[in-house]
Amino acid sequence: DQTKLTLADRWILHRYNVLLDLLQMYVQDFDFDNVARELHEFTWSCFCDWYLEIAKIQLAQDQTAEIQSQTKAILQTIFEGLLRALHPIMPFITEELWSKVPKSSFFPADFASIMFAPYPHADENFIDDDAEEKMEFLIRVIRSIRNIRQTYNVPASSEAEVMIVCQDEEEMKCLVDGADYIQ
């Protein structure tokens, strides 16, 4: 249900679908170096470094079962899609992982091998430039806080009071909405 997606959910689905568009273009041009680079960058930076950490927060909060199941579905959908996208580049690892994870209910049959699964394609319904802009703002704020903590040798285990001065009303709303992510 797209109306109940969190900002982070909208952002990762946007980034994932932008990635799939890029991959399609690079594969058509036989530019496999860029395919591998984009897959690595998305998997490491967007999915693992940011969304997985935010998903832990979303799953730990006292939210409705519907929102929690939606977060789990997004995690599973993107992971499975990444396996299918990575398969031409890393066939042995993706085949092993494919055999261990549950398959999407969107597939008509339970494929015995990832080789029979279709290559993922972008869904324009999930392109969301607003989510991209807001989430990138939150990521910059979080990185700035991390950099300041590191500069002044503030241990990660200790709490730090952070005061952010913001003159833009929309940025302030974004900060308030993303307070759980920042904390």
C-alpha atoms as a PDB file:
ATOM      1  CA  ASP A   1       0.000   0.000   0.000  1.00  0.00           C
ATOM      2  CA  GLN A   2       1.874   3.035  -1.280  1.00  0.00           C
ATOM      3  CA  THR A   3      -0.131   5.404   0.908  1.00  0.00           C
ATOM      4  CA  LYS A   4       1.277   3.784   4.055  1.00  0.00           C
ATOM      5  CA  LEU A   5       4.928   3.719   3.045  1.00  0.00           C
ATOM      6  CA  THR A   6       7.352   5.498   5.344  1.00  0.00           C
ATOM      7  CA  LEU A   7       9.774   8.066   3.957  1.00  0.00           C
ATOM      8  CA  ALA A   8      12.579   5.500   4.055  1.00  0.00           C
ATOM      9  CA  ASP A   9      10.400   2.922   2.269  1.00  0.00           C
ATOM     10  CA  ARG A  10       9.518   5.393  -0.466  1.00  0.00           C
ATOM     11  CA  TRP A  11      13.184   6.393  -0.779  1.00  0.00           C
ATOM     12  CA  ILE A  12      14.587   2.867  -1.095  1.00  0.00           C
ATOM     13  CA  LEU A  13      11.913   1.855  -3.603  1.00  0.00           C
ATOM     14  CA  HIS A  14      12.698   4.998  -5.594  1.00  0.00           C
ATOM     15  CA  ARG A  15      16.442   4.305  -5.533  1.00  0.00           C
ATOM     16  CA  TYR A  16      15.886   0.638  -6.426  1.00  0.00           C
ATOM     17  CA  ASN A  17      13.752   1.505  -9.440  1.00  0.00           C
ATOM     18  CA  VAL A  18      16.207   4.174 -10.595  1.00  0.00           C
ATOM     19  CA  LEU A  19      18.922   1.498 -10.311  1.00  0.00           C
ATOM     20  CA  LEU A  20      16.900  -0.918 -12.442  1.00  0.00           C
ATOM     21  CA  ASP A  21      16.454   1.763 -15.121  1.00  0.00           C
ATOM     22  CA  LEU A  22      20.210   2.394 -15.140  1.00  0.00           C
ATOM     23  CA  LEU A  23      20.973  -1.330 -15.308  1.00  0.00           C
ATOM     24  CA  GLN A  24      18.688  -1.781 -18.293  1.00  0.00           C
ATOM     25  CA  MET A  25      20.460   1.048 -20.118  1.00  0.00           C
ATOM     26  CA  TYR A  26      23.941  -0.292 -19.279  1.00  0.00           C
ATOM     27  CA  VAL A  27      23.078  -3.881 -20.249  1.00  0.00           C
ATOM     28  CA  GLN A  28      21.721  -2.692 -23.609  1.00  0.00           C
ATOM     29  CA  ASP A  29      25.038  -0.892 -24.158  1.00  0.00           C
ATOM     30  CA  PHE A  30      27.021  -3.966 -22.999  1.00  0.00           C
ATOM     31  CA  ASP A  31      28.580  -1.780 -20.302  1.00  0.00           C
ATOM     32  CA  PHE A  32      28.963  -4.494 -17.654  1.00  0.00           C
ATOM     33  CA  ASP A  33      31.540  -2.535 -15.685  1.00  0.00           C
ATOM     34  CA  ASN A  34      28.904   0.098 -14.895  1.00  0.00           C
ATOM     35  CA  VAL A  35      26.324  -2.614 -14.192  1.00  0.00           C
ATOM     36  CA  ALA A  36      28.611  -4.115 -11.559  1.00  0.00           C
ATOM     37  CA  ARG A  37      29.542  -0.705 -10.131  1.00  0.00           C
ATOM     38  CA  GLU A  38      25.934   0.468  -9.815  1.00  0.00           C
ATOM     39  CA  LEU A  39      24.852  -2.809  -8.226  1.00  0.00           C
ATOM     40  CA  HIS A  40      27.709  -2.635  -5.729  1.00  0.00           C
ATOM     41  CA  GLU A  41      27.052   1.022  -4.909  1.00  0.00           C
ATOM     42  CA  PHE A  42      23.307   0.530  -4.400  1.00  0.00           C
ATOM     43  CA  THR A  43      23.669  -2.681  -2.413  1.00  0.00           C
ATOM     44  CA  TRP A  44      26.373  -1.362  -0.137  1.00  0.00           C
ATOM     45  CA  SER A  45      25.452   2.314   0.244  1.00  0.00           C
ATOM     46  CA  CYS A  46      21.682   2.513  -0.080  1.00  0.00           C
ATOM     47  CA  PHE A  47      20.384  -0.901   0.903  1.00  0.00           C
ATOM     48  CA  CYS A  48      22.851  -2.151   3.500  1.00  0.00           C
ATOM     49  CA  ASP A  49      24.292   1.047   4.945  1.00  0.00           C
ATOM     50  CA  TRP A  50      21.045   3.007   5.169  1.00  0.00           C
ATOM     51  CA  TYR A  51      17.839   1.079   4.571  1.00  0.00           C
ATOM     52  CA  LEU A  52      18.677  -2.023   6.602  1.00  0.00           C
ATOM     53  CA  GLU A  53      19.553   0.145   9.589  1.00  0.00           C
ATOM     54  CA  ILE A  54      16.365   2.182   9.206  1.00  0.00           C
ATOM     55  CA  ALA A  55      14.308  -0.994   8.746  1.00  0.00           C
ATOM     56  CA  LYS A  56      15.616  -2.224  12.110  1.00  0.00           C
ATOM     57  CA  ILE A  57      14.273   0.978  13.674  1.00  0.00           C
ATOM     58  CA  GLN A  58      10.929   0.608  11.904  1.00  0.00           C
ATOM     59  CA  LEU A  59      10.586  -3.022  12.981  1.00  0.00           C
ATOM     60  CA  ALA A  60      11.574  -2.271  16.592  1.00  0.00           C
ATOM     61  CA  GLN A  61       9.026   0.526  16.989  1.00  0.00           C
ATOM     62  CA  ASP A  62       5.527  -0.190  18.214  1.00  0.00           C
ATOM     63  CA  GLN A  63       3.905   0.137  14.834  1.00  0.00           C
ATOM     64  CA  THR A  64       0.986  -1.752  13.396  1.00  0.00           C
ATOM     65  CA  ALA A  65       1.560  -5.264  12.120  1.00  0.00           C
ATOM     66  CA  GLU A  66       0.635  -3.950   8.678  1.00  0.00           C
ATOM     67  CA  ILE A  67       3.522  -1.449   8.615  1.00  0.00           C
ATOM     68  CA  GLN A  68       5.953  -4.035   9.974  1.00  0.00           C
ATOM     69  CA  SER A  69       4.898  -6.595   7.375  1.00  0.00           C
ATOM     70  CA  GLN A  70       5.242  -3.930   4.699  1.00  0.00           C
ATOM     71  CA  THR A  71       8.818  -3.176   5.825  1.00  0.00           C
ATOM     72  CA  LYS A  72       9.627  -6.893   5.725  1.00  0.00           C
ATOM     73  CA  ALA A  73       8.061  -7.196   2.275  1.00  0.00           C
ATOM     74  CA  ILE A  74      10.169  -4.303   0.973  1.00  0.00           C
ATOM     75  CA  LEU A  75      13.328  -5.857   2.415  1.00  0.00           C
ATOM     76  CA  GLN A  76      12.506  -9.207   0.837  1.00  0.00           C
ATOM     77  CA  THR A  77      11.450  -7.745  -2.524  1.00  0.00           C
ATOM     78  CA  ILE A  78      14.595  -5.667  -2.923  1.00  0.00           C
ATOM     79  CA  PHE A  79      16.896  -8.447  -1.718  1.00  0.00           C
ATOM     80  CA  GLU A  80      15.320 -10.906  -4.113  1.00  0.00           C
ATOM     81  CA  GLY A  81      15.452  -8.376  -6.961  1.00  0.00           C
ATOM     82  CA  LEU A  82      19.114  -7.705  -6.230  1.00  0.00           C
ATOM     83  CA  LEU A  83      19.824 -11.439  -6.404  1.00  0.00           C
ATOM     84  CA  ARG A  84      18.206 -11.610  -9.841  1.00  0.00           C
ATOM     85  CA  ALA A  85      20.079  -8.493 -11.012  1.00  0.00           C
ATOM     86  CA  LEU A  86      23.383  -9.765  -9.646  1.00  0.00           C
ATOM     87  CA  HIS A  87      23.014 -13.281 -11.070  1.00  0.00           C
ATOM     88  CA  PRO A  88      24.706 -12.631 -14.440  1.00  0.00           C
ATOM     89  CA  ILE A  89      27.708 -11.164 -12.592  1.00  0.00           C
ATOM     90  CA  MET A  90      27.872 -13.483  -9.566  1.00  0.00           C
ATOM     91  CA  PRO A  91      26.081 -16.688 -10.605  1.00  0.00           C
ATOM     92  CA  PHE A  92      27.351 -19.098  -7.958  1.00  0.00           C
ATOM     93  CA  ILE A  93      26.740 -16.902  -4.919  1.00  0.00           C
ATOM     94  CA  THR A  94      23.321 -15.738  -6.115  1.00  0.00           C
ATOM     95  CA  GLU A  95      22.249 -19.299  -6.930  1.00  0.00           C
ATOM     96  CA  GLU A  96      23.162 -20.442  -3.415  1.00  0.00           C
ATOM     97  CA  LEU A  97      21.373 -17.518  -1.774  1.00  0.00           C
ATOM     98  CA  TRP A  98      18.339 -18.008  -4.042  1.00  0.00           C
ATOM     99  CA  SER A  99      17.989 -21.574  -2.837  1.00  0.00           C
ATOM    100  CA  LYS A 100      17.872 -20.362   0.788  1.00  0.00           C
ATOM    101  CA  VAL A 101      15.441 -17.416   0.658  1.00  0.00           C
ATOM    102  CA  PRO A 102      11.652 -17.436   0.246  1.00  0.00           C
ATOM    103  CA  LYS A 103      10.490 -16.498  -3.233  1.00  0.00           C
ATOM    104  CA  SER A 104       8.177 -13.663  -4.155  1.00  0.00           C
ATOM    105  CA  SER A 105       4.476 -14.381  -4.371  1.00  0.00           C
ATOM    106  CA  PHE A 106       4.490 -12.443  -7.668  1.00  0.00           C
ATOM    107  CA  PHE A 107       6.096 -15.380  -9.467  1.00  0.00           C
ATOM    108  CA  PRO A 108       3.661 -17.882 -10.988  1.00  0.00           C
ATOM    109  CA  ALA A 109       5.850 -20.839 -10.106  1.00  0.00           C
ATOM    110  CA  ASP A 110       8.530 -21.681  -7.594  1.00  0.00           C
ATOM    111  CA  PHE A 111      11.601 -21.517  -9.809  1.00  0.00           C
ATOM    112  CA  ALA A 112      14.075 -24.311  -9.110  1.00  0.00           C
ATOM    113  CA  SER A 113      16.939 -22.033 -10.117  1.00  0.00           C
ATOM    114  CA  ILE A 114      17.462 -18.298 -10.243  1.00  0.00           C
ATOM    115  CA  MET A 115      18.312 -18.781 -13.939  1.00  0.00           C
ATOM    116  CA  PHE A 116      14.596 -19.189 -14.669  1.00  0.00           C
ATOM    117  CA  ALA A 117      13.537 -16.075 -12.774  1.00  0.00           C
ATOM    118  CA  PRO A 118      12.998 -12.930 -14.857  1.00  0.00           C
ATOM    119  CA  TYR A 119      15.484 -10.111 -14.696  1.00  0.00           C
ATOM    120  CA  PRO A 120      13.993  -7.287 -12.598  1.00  0.00           C
ATOM    121  CA  HIS A 121      12.558  -4.235 -14.325  1.00  0.00           C
ATOM    122  CA  ALA A 122      11.744  -0.797 -12.970  1.00  0.00           C
ATOM    123  CA  ASP A 123       8.241   0.150 -11.900  1.00  0.00           C
ATOM    124  CA  GLU A 124       7.613   3.831 -12.628  1.00  0.00           C
ATOM    125  CA  ASN A 125       4.964   3.940  -9.874  1.00  0.00           C
ATOM    126  CA  PHE A 126       7.726   3.986  -7.276  1.00  0.00           C
ATOM    127  CA  ILE A 127       9.719   6.883  -8.708  1.00  0.00           C
ATOM    128  CA  ASP A 128       9.490   9.503  -5.963  1.00  0.00           C
ATOM    129  CA  ASP A 129      11.778  12.516  -6.273  1.00  0.00           C
ATOM    130  CA  ASP A 130      10.272  14.083  -3.135  1.00  0.00           C
ATOM    131  CA  ALA A 131      11.289  11.073  -1.024  1.00  0.00           C
ATOM    132  CA  GLU A 132      14.747  11.184  -2.591  1.00  0.00           C
ATOM    133  CA  GLU A 133      15.186  14.850  -1.695  1.00  0.00           C
ATOM    134  CA  LYS A 134      13.946  14.484   1.898  1.00  0.00           C
ATOM    135  CA  MET A 135      15.906  11.328   2.613  1.00  0.00           C
ATOM    136  CA  GLU A 136      19.096  12.770   1.140  1.00  0.00           C
ATOM    137  CA  PHE A 137      18.636  15.765   3.462  1.00  0.00           C
ATOM    138  CA  LEU A 138      18.286  13.431   6.477  1.00  0.00           C
ATOM    139  CA  ILE A 139      21.328  11.434   5.380  1.00  0.00           C
ATOM    140  CA  ARG A 140      23.389  14.639   5.166  1.00  0.00           C
ATOM    141  CA  VAL A 141      22.251  15.617   8.664  1.00  0.00           C
ATOM    142  CA  ILE A 142      23.101  12.188  10.075  1.00  0.00           C
ATOM    143  CA  ARG A 143      26.506  12.189   8.380  1.00  0.00           C
ATOM    144  CA  SER A 144      27.227  15.656   9.741  1.00  0.00           C
ATOM    145  CA  ILE A 145      26.394  14.544  13.261  1.00  0.00           C
ATOM    146  CA  ARG A 146      28.582  11.464  12.867  1.00  0.00           C
ATOM    147  CA  ASN A 147      31.464  13.606  11.567  1.00  0.00           C
ATOM    148  CA  ILE A 148      31.186  16.034  14.476  1.00  0.00           C
ATOM    149  CA  ARG A 149      31.131  13.146  16.957  1.00  0.00           C
ATOM    150  CA  GLN A 150      34.216  11.671  15.336  1.00  0.00           C
ATOM    151  CA  THR A 151      36.030  15.023  15.199  1.00  0.00           C
ATOM    152  CA  TYR A 152      35.519  15.571  18.926  1.00  0.00           C
ATOM    153  CA  ASN A 153      36.108  11.911  19.848  1.00  0.00           C
ATOM    154  CA  VAL A 154      32.617  11.389  21.248  1.00  0.00           C
ATOM    155  CA  PRO A 155      32.223   7.626  21.733  1.00  0.00           C
ATOM    156  CA  ALA A 156      29.427   6.042  19.696  1.00  0.00           C
ATOM    157  CA  SER A 157      28.018   4.486  22.867  1.00  0.00           C
ATOM    158  CA  SER A 158      27.483   7.833  24.610  1.00  0.00           C
ATOM    159  CA  GLU A 159      24.544  10.121  24.030  1.00  0.00           C
ATOM    160  CA  ALA A 160      25.111  13.541  22.567  1.00  0.00           C
ATOM    161  CA  GLU A 161      22.726  16.446  22.601  1.00  0.00           C
ATOM    162  CA  VAL A 162      22.371  17.877  19.122  1.00  0.00           C
ATOM    163  CA  MET A 163      20.840  21.226  18.331  1.00  0.00           C
ATOM    164  CA  ILE A 164      19.982  21.941  14.737  1.00  0.00           C
ATOM    165  CA  VAL A 165      19.089  25.438  13.635  1.00  0.00           C
ATOM    166  CA  CYS A 166      16.758  25.335  10.689  1.00  0.00           C
ATOM    167  CA  GLN A 167      15.089  28.306   9.023  1.00  0.00           C
ATOM    168  CA  ASP A 168      13.200  26.440   6.338  1.00  0.00           C
ATOM    169  CA  GLU A 169       9.794  25.158   7.482  1.00  0.00           C
ATOM    170  CA  GLU A 170       9.874  22.164   5.145  1.00  0.00           C
ATOM    171  CA  GLU A 171      13.337  21.122   6.320  1.00  0.00           C
ATOM    172  CA  MET A 172      12.159  21.437   9.927  1.00  0.00           C
ATOM    173  CA  LYS A 173       9.193  19.166   9.208  1.00  0.00           C
ATOM    174  CA  CYS A 174      11.539  16.694   7.555  1.00  0.00           C
ATOM    175  CA  LEU A 175      13.804  16.729  10.634  1.00  0.00           C
ATOM    176  CA  VAL A 176      10.864  16.190  12.977  1.00  0.00           C
ATOM    177  CA  ASP A 177       9.515  13.344  10.820  1.00  0.00           C
ATOM    178  CA  GLY A 178      12.981  11.777  10.610  1.00  0.00           C
ATOM    179  CA  ALA A 179      13.864  12.205  14.286  1.00  0.00           C
ATOM    180  CA  ASP A 180      13.826   8.431  14.880  1.00  0.00           C
ATOM    181  CA  TYR A 181      16.320   7.916  12.075  1.00  0.00           C
ATOM    182  CA  ILE A 182      18.572  10.672  13.402  1.00  0.00           C
ATOM    183  CA  GLN A 183      18.450   9.341  16.969  1.00  0.00           C
END
